[in-house]
PDB file of N, CA and C in Angstrom:
ATOM      1  N   MET A   1     142.568  74.011  42.910  1.00  0.00           N
ATOM      2  CA  MET A   1     141.737  72.922  43.419  1.00  0.00           C
ATOM      3  C   MET A   1     142.183  71.628  42.744  1.00  0.00           C
ATOM      4  N   LEU A   2     142.342  70.591  43.526  1.00  0.00           N
ATOM      5  CA  LEU A   2     142.709  69.296  42.986  1.00  0.00           C
ATOM      6  C   LEU A   2     141.516  68.661  42.278  1.00  0.00           C
ATOM      7  N   GLU A   3     141.813  67.757  41.343  1.00  0.00           N
ATOM      8  CA  GLU A   3     140.753  67.110  40.573  1.00  0.00           C
ATOM      9  C   GLU A   3     139.783  66.331  41.477  1.00  0.00           C
ATOM     10  N   ALA A   4     140.260  65.702  42.533  1.00  0.00           N
ATOM     11  CA  ALA A   4     139.390  64.934  43.430  1.00  0.00           C
ATOM     12  C   ALA A   4     138.365  65.840  44.110  1.00  0.00           C
ATOM     13  N   ALA A   5     138.800  66.988  44.598  1.00  0.00           N
ATOM     14  CA  ALA A   5     137.875  67.935  45.236  1.00  0.00           C
ATOM     15  C   ALA A   5     136.908  68.503  44.200  1.00  0.00           C
ATOM     16  N   PHE A   6     137.417  68.756  42.998  1.00  0.00           N
ATOM     17  CA  PHE A   6     136.583  69.273  41.911  1.00  0.00           C
ATOM     18  C   PHE A   6     135.497  68.263  41.551  1.00  0.00           C
ATOM     19  N   SER A   7     135.841  66.980  41.480  1.00  0.00           N
ATOM     20  CA  SER A   7     134.845  65.959  41.116  1.00  0.00           C
ATOM     21  C   SER A   7     133.733  65.859  42.158  1.00  0.00           C
ATOM     22  N   THR A   8     134.066  66.009  43.434  1.00  0.00           N
ATOM     23  CA  THR A   8     133.055  65.987  44.497  1.00  0.00           C
ATOM     24  C   THR A   8     132.099  67.169  44.340  1.00  0.00           C
ATOM     25  N   LYS A   9     132.661  68.326  44.057  1.00  0.00           N
ATOM     26  CA  LYS A   9     131.849  69.532  43.854  1.00  0.00           C
ATOM     27  C   LYS A   9     130.940  69.373  42.626  1.00  0.00           C
ATOM     28  N   VAL A  10     131.488  68.829  41.547  1.00  0.00           N
ATOM     29  CA  VAL A  10     130.715  68.616  40.320  1.00  0.00           C
ATOM     30  C   VAL A  10     129.567  67.641  40.565  1.00  0.00           C
ATOM     31  N   LEU A  11     129.834  66.533  41.229  1.00  0.00           N
ATOM     32  CA  LEU A  11     128.779  65.548  41.520  1.00  0.00           C
ATOM     33  C   LEU A  11     127.624  66.169  42.299  1.00  0.00           C
ATOM     34  N   LYS A  12     127.936  66.960  43.302  1.00  0.00           N
ATOM     35  CA  LYS A  12     126.888  67.614  44.098  1.00  0.00           C
ATOM     36  C   LYS A  12     126.026  68.522  43.225  1.00  0.00           C
ATOM     37  N   LYS A  13     126.668  69.299  42.353  1.00  0.00           N
ATOM     38  CA  LYS A  13     125.928  70.205  41.461  1.00  0.00           C
ATOM     39  C   LYS A  13     125.085  69.437  40.456  1.00  0.00           C
ATOM     40  N   LEU A  14     125.629  68.383  39.886  1.00  0.00           N
ATOM     41  CA  LEU A  14     124.889  67.589  38.910  1.00  0.00           C
ATOM     42  C   LEU A  14     123.625  67.006  39.536  1.00  0.00           C
ATOM     43  N   ARG A  15     123.768  66.441  40.713  1.00  0.00           N
ATOM     44  CA  ARG A  15     122.622  65.838  41.400  1.00  0.00           C
ATOM     45  C   ARG A  15     121.579  66.885  41.776  1.00  0.00           C
ATOM     46  N   ALA A  16     122.041  68.062  42.184  1.00  0.00           N
ATOM     47  CA  ALA A  16     121.120  69.120  42.627  1.00  0.00           C
ATOM     48  C   ALA A  16     120.467  69.859  41.467  1.00  0.00           C
ATOM     49  N   GLU A  17     121.217  70.125  40.397  1.00  0.00           N
ATOM     50  CA  GLU A  17     120.713  71.001  39.339  1.00  0.00           C
ATOM     51  C   GLU A  17     120.290  70.294  38.050  1.00  0.00           C
ATOM     52  N   ILE A  18     120.895  69.164  37.738  1.00  0.00           N
ATOM     53  CA  ILE A  18     120.583  68.467  36.495  1.00  0.00           C
ATOM     54  C   ILE A  18     119.638  67.297  36.743  1.00  0.00           C
ATOM     55  N   GLY A  19     119.811  66.626  37.872  1.00  0.00           N
ATOM     56  CA  GLY A  19     119.007  65.440  38.167  1.00  0.00           C
ATOM     57  C   GLY A  19     119.602  64.228  37.468  1.00  0.00           C
ATOM     58  N   GLY A  20     118.846  63.165  37.405  1.00  0.00           N
ATOM     59  CA  GLY A  20     119.343  61.939  36.798  1.00  0.00           C
ATOM     60  C   GLY A  20     120.101  61.098  37.802  1.00  0.00           C
ATOM     61  N   SER A  21     120.866  60.170  37.287  1.00  0.00           N
ATOM     62  CA  SER A  21     121.657  59.259  38.112  1.00  0.00           C
ATOM     63  C   SER A  21     123.129  59.473  37.793  1.00  0.00           C
ATOM     64  N   TRP A  22     123.932  59.728  38.808  1.00  0.00           N
ATOM     65  CA  TRP A  22     125.346  60.031  38.631  1.00  0.00           C
ATOM     66  C   TRP A  22     126.198  59.213  39.576  1.00  0.00           C
ATOM     67  N   ARG A  23     127.393  58.829  39.109  1.00  0.00           N
ATOM     68  CA  ARG A  23     128.350  58.185  40.006  1.00  0.00           C
ATOM     69  C   ARG A  23     129.761  58.495  39.551  1.00  0.00           C
ATOM     70  N   LYS A  24     130.648  58.484  40.516  1.00  0.00           N
ATOM     71  CA  LYS A  24     132.068  58.682  40.211  1.00  0.00           C
ATOM     72  C   LYS A  24     132.621  57.338  39.768  1.00  0.00           C
ATOM     73  N   ASN A  25     133.321  57.349  38.665  1.00  0.00           N
ATOM     74  CA  ASN A  25     133.929  56.138  38.147  1.00  0.00           C
ATOM     75  C   ASN A  25     135.232  55.894  38.909  1.00  0.00           C
ATOM     76  N   PRO A  26     135.293  54.819  39.681  1.00  0.00           N
ATOM     77  CA  PRO A  26     136.504  54.583  40.469  1.00  0.00           C
ATOM     78  C   PRO A  26     137.682  54.193  39.570  1.00  0.00           C
ATOM     79  N   VAL A  27     138.831  54.714  39.905  1.00  0.00           N
ATOM     80  CA  VAL A  27     140.043  54.389  39.160  1.00  0.00           C
ATOM     81  C   VAL A  27     140.721  53.212  39.855  1.00  0.00           C
ATOM     82  N   SER A  28     140.974  52.161  39.101  1.00  0.00           N
ATOM     83  CA  SER A  28     141.691  51.014  39.655  1.00  0.00           C
ATOM     84  C   SER A  28     142.346  50.247  38.513  1.00  0.00           C
ATOM     85  N   LYS A  29     143.200  49.329  38.864  1.00  0.00           N
ATOM     86  CA  LYS A  29     143.871  48.536  37.831  1.00  0.00           C
ATOM     87  C   LYS A  29     142.901  47.570  37.160  1.00  0.00           C
ATOM     88  N   PHE A  30     141.707  47.392  37.732  1.00  0.00           N
ATOM     89  CA  PHE A  30     140.722  46.488  37.155  1.00  0.00           C
ATOM     90  C   PHE A  30     139.730  47.183  36.229  1.00  0.00           C
ATOM     91  N   GLY A  31     139.758  48.515  36.205  1.00  0.00           N
ATOM     92  CA  GLY A  31     138.833  49.288  35.373  1.00  0.00           C
ATOM     93  C   GLY A  31     139.336  49.429  33.949  1.00  0.00           C
ATOM     94  N   SER A  32     138.475  49.934  33.088  1.00  0.00           N
ATOM     95  CA  SER A  32     138.844  50.179  31.696  1.00  0.00           C
ATOM     96  C   SER A  32     139.461  51.565  31.561  1.00  0.00           C
ATOM     97  N   SER A  33     140.523  51.655  30.821  1.00  0.00           N
ATOM     98  CA  SER A  33     141.187  52.942  30.591  1.00  0.00           C
ATOM     99  C   SER A  33     140.357  53.805  29.661  1.00  0.00           C
ATOM    100  N   GLY A  34     140.362  55.097  29.925  1.00  0.00           N
ATOM    101  CA  GLY A  34     139.700  56.046  29.043  1.00  0.00           C
ATOM    102  C   GLY A  34     138.297  56.437  29.445  1.00  0.00           C
ATOM    103  N   ILE A  35     137.675  55.693  30.341  1.00  0.00           N
ATOM    104  CA  ILE A  35     136.307  56.009  30.759  1.00  0.00           C
ATOM    105  C   ILE A  35     136.325  57.274  31.614  1.00  0.00           C
ATOM    106  N   GLY A  36     135.301  58.126  31.432  1.00  0.00           N
ATOM    107  CA  GLY A  36     135.219  59.399  32.127  1.00  0.00           C
ATOM    108  C   GLY A  36     135.206  59.267  33.642  1.00  0.00           C
ATOM    109  N   ASP A  37     135.517  60.366  34.310  1.00  0.00           N
ATOM    110  CA  ASP A  37     135.553  60.396  35.774  1.00  0.00           C
ATOM    111  C   ASP A  37     134.165  60.268  36.384  1.00  0.00           C
ATOM    112  N   ILE A  38     133.165  60.803  35.693  1.00  0.00           N
ATOM    113  CA  ILE A  38     131.789  60.748  36.172  1.00  0.00           C
ATOM    114  C   ILE A  38     130.921  60.155  35.067  1.00  0.00           C
ATOM    115  N   VAL A  39     130.073  59.214  35.455  1.00  0.00           N
ATOM    116  CA  VAL A  39     129.182  58.548  34.511  1.00  0.00           C
ATOM    117  C   VAL A  39     127.755  58.786  34.988  1.00  0.00           C
ATOM    118  N   GLY A  40     126.850  59.068  34.047  1.00  0.00           N
ATOM    119  CA  GLY A  40     125.481  59.332  34.442  1.00  0.00           C
ATOM    120  C   GLY A  40     124.475  59.002  33.361  1.00  0.00           C
ATOM    121  N   CYS A  41     123.222  59.087  33.752  1.00  0.00           N
ATOM    122  CA  CYS A  41     122.109  58.910  32.834  1.00  0.00           C
ATOM    123  C   CYS A  41     121.062  59.955  33.187  1.00  0.00           C
ATOM    124  N   VAL A  42     120.670  60.749  32.181  1.00  0.00           N
ATOM    125  CA  VAL A  42     119.681  61.801  32.382  1.00  0.00           C
ATOM    126  C   VAL A  42     118.626  61.657  31.293  1.00  0.00           C
ATOM    127  N   LYS A  43     117.394  61.400  31.720  1.00  0.00           N
ATOM    128  CA  LYS A  43     116.274  61.264  30.782  1.00  0.00           C
ATOM    129  C   LYS A  43     116.602  60.290  29.658  1.00  0.00           C
ATOM    130  N   GLY A  44     117.217  59.171  30.021  1.00  0.00           N
ATOM    131  CA  GLY A  44     117.534  58.131  29.060  1.00  0.00           C
ATOM    132  C   GLY A  44     118.795  58.345  28.255  1.00  0.00           C
ATOM    133  N   ARG A  45     119.520  59.431  28.474  1.00  0.00           N
ATOM    134  CA  ARG A  45     120.775  59.698  27.743  1.00  0.00           C
ATOM    135  C   ARG A  45     121.974  59.329  28.601  1.00  0.00           C
ATOM    136  N   TYR A  46     122.871  58.575  28.014  1.00  0.00           N
ATOM    137  CA  TYR A  46     124.117  58.190  28.659  1.00  0.00           C
ATOM    138  C   TYR A  46     125.085  59.374  28.611  1.00  0.00           C
ATOM    139  N   VAL A  47     125.726  59.668  29.740  1.00  0.00           N
ATOM    140  CA  VAL A  47     126.635  60.812  29.836  1.00  0.00           C
ATOM    141  C   VAL A  47     127.931  60.385  30.526  1.00  0.00           C
ATOM    142  N   GLU A  48     129.050  60.822  29.950  1.00  0.00           N
ATOM    143  CA  GLU A  48     130.346  60.667  30.613  1.00  0.00           C
ATOM    144  C   GLU A  48     131.004  62.032  30.671  1.00  0.00           C
ATOM    145  N   ILE A  49     131.612  62.315  31.808  1.00  0.00           N
ATOM    146  CA  ILE A  49     132.310  63.582  31.996  1.00  0.00           C
ATOM    147  C   ILE A  49     133.744  63.292  32.409  1.00  0.00           C
ATOM    148  N   GLU A  50     134.660  63.808  31.638  1.00  0.00           N
ATOM    149  CA  GLU A  50     136.085  63.711  31.956  1.00  0.00           C
ATOM    150  C   GLU A  50     136.487  65.043  32.575  1.00  0.00           C
ATOM    151  N   LEU A  51     136.903  65.001  33.813  1.00  0.00           N
ATOM    152  CA  LEU A  51     137.282  66.230  34.514  1.00  0.00           C
ATOM    153  C   LEU A  51     138.788  66.426  34.503  1.00  0.00           C
ATOM    154  N   LYS A  52     139.179  67.669  34.412  1.00  0.00           N
ATOM    155  CA  LYS A  52     140.578  68.046  34.539  1.00  0.00           C
ATOM    156  C   LYS A  52     140.687  69.072  35.656  1.00  0.00           C
ATOM    157  N   ALA A  53     141.810  69.065  36.349  1.00  0.00           N
ATOM    158  CA  ALA A  53     142.015  70.018  37.440  1.00  0.00           C
ATOM    159  C   ALA A  53     141.878  71.438  36.895  1.00  0.00           C
ATOM    160  N   PRO A  54     141.066  72.267  37.553  1.00  0.00           N
ATOM    161  CA  PRO A  54     140.853  73.632  37.072  1.00  0.00           C
ATOM    162  C   PRO A  54     142.169  74.405  36.889  1.00  0.00           C
ATOM    163  N   GLY A  55     142.324  74.978  35.695  1.00  0.00           N
ATOM    164  CA  GLY A  55     143.468  75.818  35.403  1.00  0.00           C
ATOM    165  C   GLY A  55     144.773  75.101  35.094  1.00  0.00           C
ATOM    166  N   LYS A  56     144.775  73.792  35.095  1.00  0.00           N
ATOM    167  CA  LYS A  56     146.028  73.056  34.881  1.00  0.00           C
ATOM    168  C   LYS A  56     146.485  73.105  33.421  1.00  0.00           C
ATOM    169  N   TYR A  57     145.525  73.091  32.498  1.00  0.00           N
ATOM    170  CA  TYR A  57     145.847  73.087  31.068  1.00  0.00           C
ATOM    171  C   TYR A  57     145.258  74.326  30.403  1.00  0.00           C
ATOM    172  N   ARG A  58     145.834  74.741  29.274  1.00  0.00           N
ATOM    173  CA  ARG A  58     145.293  75.900  28.556  1.00  0.00           C
ATOM    174  C   ARG A  58     143.909  75.605  28.021  1.00  0.00           C
ATOM    175  N   HIS A  59     143.619  74.336  27.774  1.00  0.00           N
ATOM    176  CA  HIS A  59     142.277  73.871  27.395  1.00  0.00           C
ATOM    177  C   HIS A  59     142.146  72.460  27.944  1.00  0.00           C
ATOM    178  N   PRO A  60     140.978  72.096  28.497  1.00  0.00           N
ATOM    179  CA  PRO A  60     140.836  70.771  29.118  1.00  0.00           C
ATOM    180  C   PRO A  60     141.209  69.602  28.201  1.00  0.00           C
ATOM    181  N   LEU A  61     140.896  69.703  26.897  1.00  0.00           N
ATOM    182  CA  LEU A  61     141.197  68.590  25.989  1.00  0.00           C
ATOM    183  C   LEU A  61     142.690  68.313  25.867  1.00  0.00           C
ATOM    184  N   VAL A  62     143.520  69.323  26.148  1.00  0.00           N
ATOM    185  CA  VAL A  62     144.965  69.137  26.093  1.00  0.00           C
ATOM    186  C   VAL A  62     145.402  68.084  27.110  1.00  0.00           C
ATOM    187  N   GLY A  63     144.695  67.994  28.215  1.00  0.00           N
ATOM    188  CA  GLY A  63     145.044  67.042  29.263  1.00  0.00           C
ATOM    189  C   GLY A  63     144.528  65.639  29.048  1.00  0.00           C
ATOM    190  N   CYS A  64     143.762  65.413  27.990  1.00  0.00           N
ATOM    191  CA  CYS A  64     143.192  64.086  27.724  1.00  0.00           C
ATOM    192  C   CYS A  64     144.199  63.166  27.042  1.00  0.00           C
ATOM    193  N   SER A  65     144.194  61.916  27.451  1.00  0.00           N
ATOM    194  CA  SER A  65     145.035  60.919  26.786  1.00  0.00           C
ATOM    195  C   SER A  65     144.368  60.497  25.472  1.00  0.00           C
ATOM    196  N   ASP A  66     145.125  59.834  24.631  1.00  0.00           N
ATOM    197  CA  ASP A  66     144.560  59.320  23.374  1.00  0.00           C
ATOM    198  C   ASP A  66     143.412  58.361  23.647  1.00  0.00           C
ATOM    199  N   LEU A  67     143.550  57.533  24.705  1.00  0.00           N
ATOM    200  CA  LEU A  67     142.476  56.598  25.065  1.00  0.00           C
ATOM    201  C   LEU A  67     141.207  57.340  25.481  1.00  0.00           C
ATOM    202  N   GLN A  68     141.363  58.402  26.247  1.00  0.00           N
ATOM    203  CA  GLN A  68     140.205  59.186  26.675  1.00  0.00           C
ATOM    204  C   GLN A  68     139.506  59.826  25.484  1.00  0.00           C
ATOM    205  N   LEU A  69     140.282  60.395  24.571  1.00  0.00           N
ATOM    206  CA  LEU A  69     139.694  61.022  23.390  1.00  0.00           C
ATOM    207  C   LEU A  69     139.000  59.990  22.501  1.00  0.00           C
ATOM    208  N   ALA A  70     139.616  58.840  22.316  1.00  0.00           N
ATOM    209  CA  ALA A  70     139.014  57.786  21.496  1.00  0.00           C
ATOM    210  C   ALA A  70     137.727  57.277  22.134  1.00  0.00           C
ATOM    211  N   HIS A  71     137.742  57.111  23.442  1.00  0.00           N
ATOM    212  CA  HIS A  71     136.539  56.649  24.135  1.00  0.00           C
ATOM    213  C   HIS A  71     135.434  57.695  24.050  1.00  0.00           C
ATOM    214  N   GLY A  72     135.796  58.965  24.216  1.00  0.00           N
ATOM    215  CA  GLY A  72     134.818  60.043  24.099  1.00  0.00           C
ATOM    216  C   GLY A  72     134.170  60.064  22.732  1.00  0.00           C
ATOM    217  N   LYS A  73     134.956  59.860  21.685  1.00  0.00           N
ATOM    218  CA  LYS A  73     134.413  59.812  20.325  1.00  0.00           C
ATOM    219  C   LYS A  73     133.458  58.631  20.173  1.00  0.00           C
ATOM    220  N   GLU A  74     133.829  57.490  20.750  1.00  0.00           N
ATOM    221  CA  GLU A  74     132.969  56.303  20.682  1.00  0.00           C
ATOM    222  C   GLU A  74     131.622  56.560  21.373  1.00  0.00           C
ATOM    223  N   VAL A  75     131.659  57.207  22.529  1.00  0.00           N
ATOM    224  CA  VAL A  75     130.425  57.538  23.250  1.00  0.00           C
ATOM    225  C   VAL A  75     129.541  58.438  22.389  1.00  0.00           C
ATOM    226  N   MET A  76     130.134  59.481  21.819  1.00  0.00           N
ATOM    227  CA  MET A  76     129.358  60.425  21.007  1.00  0.00           C
ATOM    228  C   MET A  76     128.859  59.780  19.711  1.00  0.00           C
ATOM    229  N   ASP A  77     129.677  58.929  19.100  1.00  0.00           N
ATOM    230  CA  ASP A  77     129.258  58.242  17.878  1.00  0.00           C
ATOM    231  C   ASP A  77     128.055  57.329  18.114  1.00  0.00           C
ATOM    232  N   ASN A  78     127.863  56.922  19.367  1.00  0.00           N
ATOM    233  CA  ASN A  78     126.761  56.032  19.706  1.00  0.00           C
ATOM    234  C   ASN A  78     125.607  56.739  20.406  1.00  0.00           C
ATOM    235  N   GLY A  79     125.554  58.074  20.273  1.00  0.00           N
ATOM    236  CA  GLY A  79     124.425  58.839  20.781  1.00  0.00           C
ATOM    237  C   GLY A  79     124.535  59.332  22.203  1.00  0.00           C
ATOM    238  N   GLY A  80     125.650  59.053  22.858  1.00  0.00           N
ATOM    239  CA  GLY A  80     125.843  59.523  24.225  1.00  0.00           C
ATOM    240  C   GLY A  80     126.431  60.920  24.248  1.00  0.00           C
ATOM    241  N   VAL A  81     126.568  61.450  25.444  1.00  0.00           N
ATOM    242  CA  VAL A  81     127.157  62.772  25.649  1.00  0.00           C
ATOM    243  C   VAL A  81     128.498  62.569  26.356  1.00  0.00           C
ATOM    244  N   TRP A  82     129.541  63.172  25.810  1.00  0.00           N
ATOM    245  CA  TRP A  82     130.870  63.115  26.423  1.00  0.00           C
ATOM    246  C   TRP A  82     131.393  64.532  26.491  1.00  0.00           C
ATOM    247  N   ILE A  83     131.798  64.929  27.683  1.00  0.00           N
ATOM    248  CA  ILE A  83     132.304  66.288  27.895  1.00  0.00           C
ATOM    249  C   ILE A  83     133.598  66.205  28.694  1.00  0.00           C
ATOM    250  N   CYS A  84     134.583  66.975  28.272  1.00  0.00           N
ATOM    251  CA  CYS A  84     135.821  67.133  29.030  1.00  0.00           C
ATOM    252  C   CYS A  84     135.884  68.596  29.439  1.00  0.00           C
ATOM    253  N   GLU A  85     135.984  68.841  30.744  1.00  0.00           N
ATOM    254  CA  GLU A  85     135.917  70.232  31.203  1.00  0.00           C
ATOM    255  C   GLU A  85     136.660  70.410  32.521  1.00  0.00           C
ATOM    256  N   ASP A  86     137.098  71.663  32.754  1.00  0.00           N
ATOM    257  CA  ASP A  86     137.756  72.006  34.017  1.00  0.00           C
ATOM    258  C   ASP A  86     137.070  73.181  34.717  1.00  0.00           C
ATOM    259  N   ASN A  87     135.920  73.584  34.193  1.00  0.00           N
ATOM    260  CA  ASN A  87     135.185  74.717  34.740  1.00  0.00           C
ATOM    261  C   ASN A  87     133.743  74.277  34.995  1.00  0.00           C
ATOM    262  N   LEU A  88     133.291  74.389  36.225  1.00  0.00           N
ATOM    263  CA  LEU A  88     131.964  73.894  36.593  1.00  0.00           C
ATOM    264  C   LEU A  88     130.846  74.598  35.837  1.00  0.00           C
ATOM    265  N   ASN A  89     130.902  75.909  35.726  1.00  0.00           N
ATOM    266  CA  ASN A  89     129.844  76.634  35.020  1.00  0.00           C
ATOM    267  C   ASN A  89     129.797  76.258  33.544  1.00  0.00           C
ATOM    268  N   GLU A  90     130.960  76.135  32.925  1.00  0.00           N
ATOM    269  CA  GLU A  90     131.024  75.716  31.513  1.00  0.00           C
ATOM    270  C   GLU A  90     130.470  74.305  31.353  1.00  0.00           C
ATOM    271  N   LEU A  91     130.822  73.431  32.276  1.00  0.00           N
ATOM    272  CA  LEU A  91     130.338  72.054  32.239  1.00  0.00           C
ATOM    273  C   LEU A  91     128.816  72.001  32.292  1.00  0.00           C
ATOM    274  N   LEU A  92     128.227  72.728  33.238  1.00  0.00           N
ATOM    275  CA  LEU A  92     126.772  72.740  33.367  1.00  0.00           C
ATOM    276  C   LEU A  92     126.101  73.303  32.117  1.00  0.00           C
ATOM    277  N   GLU A  93     126.692  74.334  31.526  1.00  0.00           N
ATOM    278  CA  GLU A  93     126.153  74.926  30.299  1.00  0.00           C
ATOM    279  C   GLU A  93     126.227  73.939  29.133  1.00  0.00           C
ATOM    280  N   LEU A  94     127.388  73.309  28.951  1.00  0.00           N
ATOM    281  CA  LEU A  94     127.541  72.336  27.860  1.00  0.00           C
ATOM    282  C   LEU A  94     126.582  71.151  28.029  1.00  0.00           C
ATOM    283  N   LEU A  95     126.451  70.692  29.259  1.00  0.00           N
ATOM    284  CA  LEU A  95     125.559  69.568  29.532  1.00  0.00           C
ATOM    285  C   LEU A  95     124.106  69.942  29.289  1.00  0.00           C
ATOM    286  N   SER A  96     123.696  71.110  29.718  1.00  0.00           N
ATOM    287  CA  SER A  96     122.328  71.585  29.481  1.00  0.00           C
ATOM    288  C   SER A  96     122.033  71.678  28.001  1.00  0.00           C
ATOM    289  N   GLN A  97     122.999  72.176  27.228  1.00  0.00           N
ATOM    290  CA  GLN A  97     122.814  72.273  25.772  1.00  0.00           C
ATOM    291  C   GLN A  97     122.718  70.883  25.149  1.00  0.00           C
ATOM    292  N   ALA A  98     123.610  69.999  25.542  1.00  0.00           N
ATOM    293  CA  ALA A  98     123.636  68.649  24.952  1.00  0.00           C
ATOM    294  C   ALA A  98     122.364  67.861  25.254  1.00  0.00           C
ATOM    295  N   LEU A  99     121.801  68.093  26.441  1.00  0.00           N
ATOM    296  CA  LEU A  99     120.601  67.358  26.864  1.00  0.00           C
ATOM    297  C   LEU A  99     119.305  68.124  26.588  1.00  0.00           C
ATOM    298  N   HIS A 100     119.437  69.330  26.024  1.00  0.00           N
ATOM    299  CA  HIS A 100     118.280  70.177  25.718  1.00  0.00           C
ATOM    300  C   HIS A 100     117.434  70.440  26.959  1.00  0.00           C
ATOM    301  N   LEU A 101     118.111  70.842  28.039  1.00  0.00           N
ATOM    302  CA  LEU A 101     117.404  71.116  29.293  1.00  0.00           C
ATOM    303  C   LEU A 101     117.028  72.592  29.386  1.00  0.00           C
TER     304      LEU A 101
END
């Protein structure tokens, strides 16, 4: 599955099962590098999700650029939730744990 199709599937699940406000972060030359593919807010918590194509890497973090990792650390250092994942079930589990749902 390509990352674009995966992100559409993830957005639908997030909206249906987690709730909150979610949007796909558009990629363009005018955007900031390193920001997650999906940005959301759930019960007042800021969330960014960096998606990787399922099965492309031995671990999703391997596919992250230095900018993505640095941005993810900045989000977490400031109380937000940052997750990099290539498996929908794992993503939902990690997000539920992080948000105490």
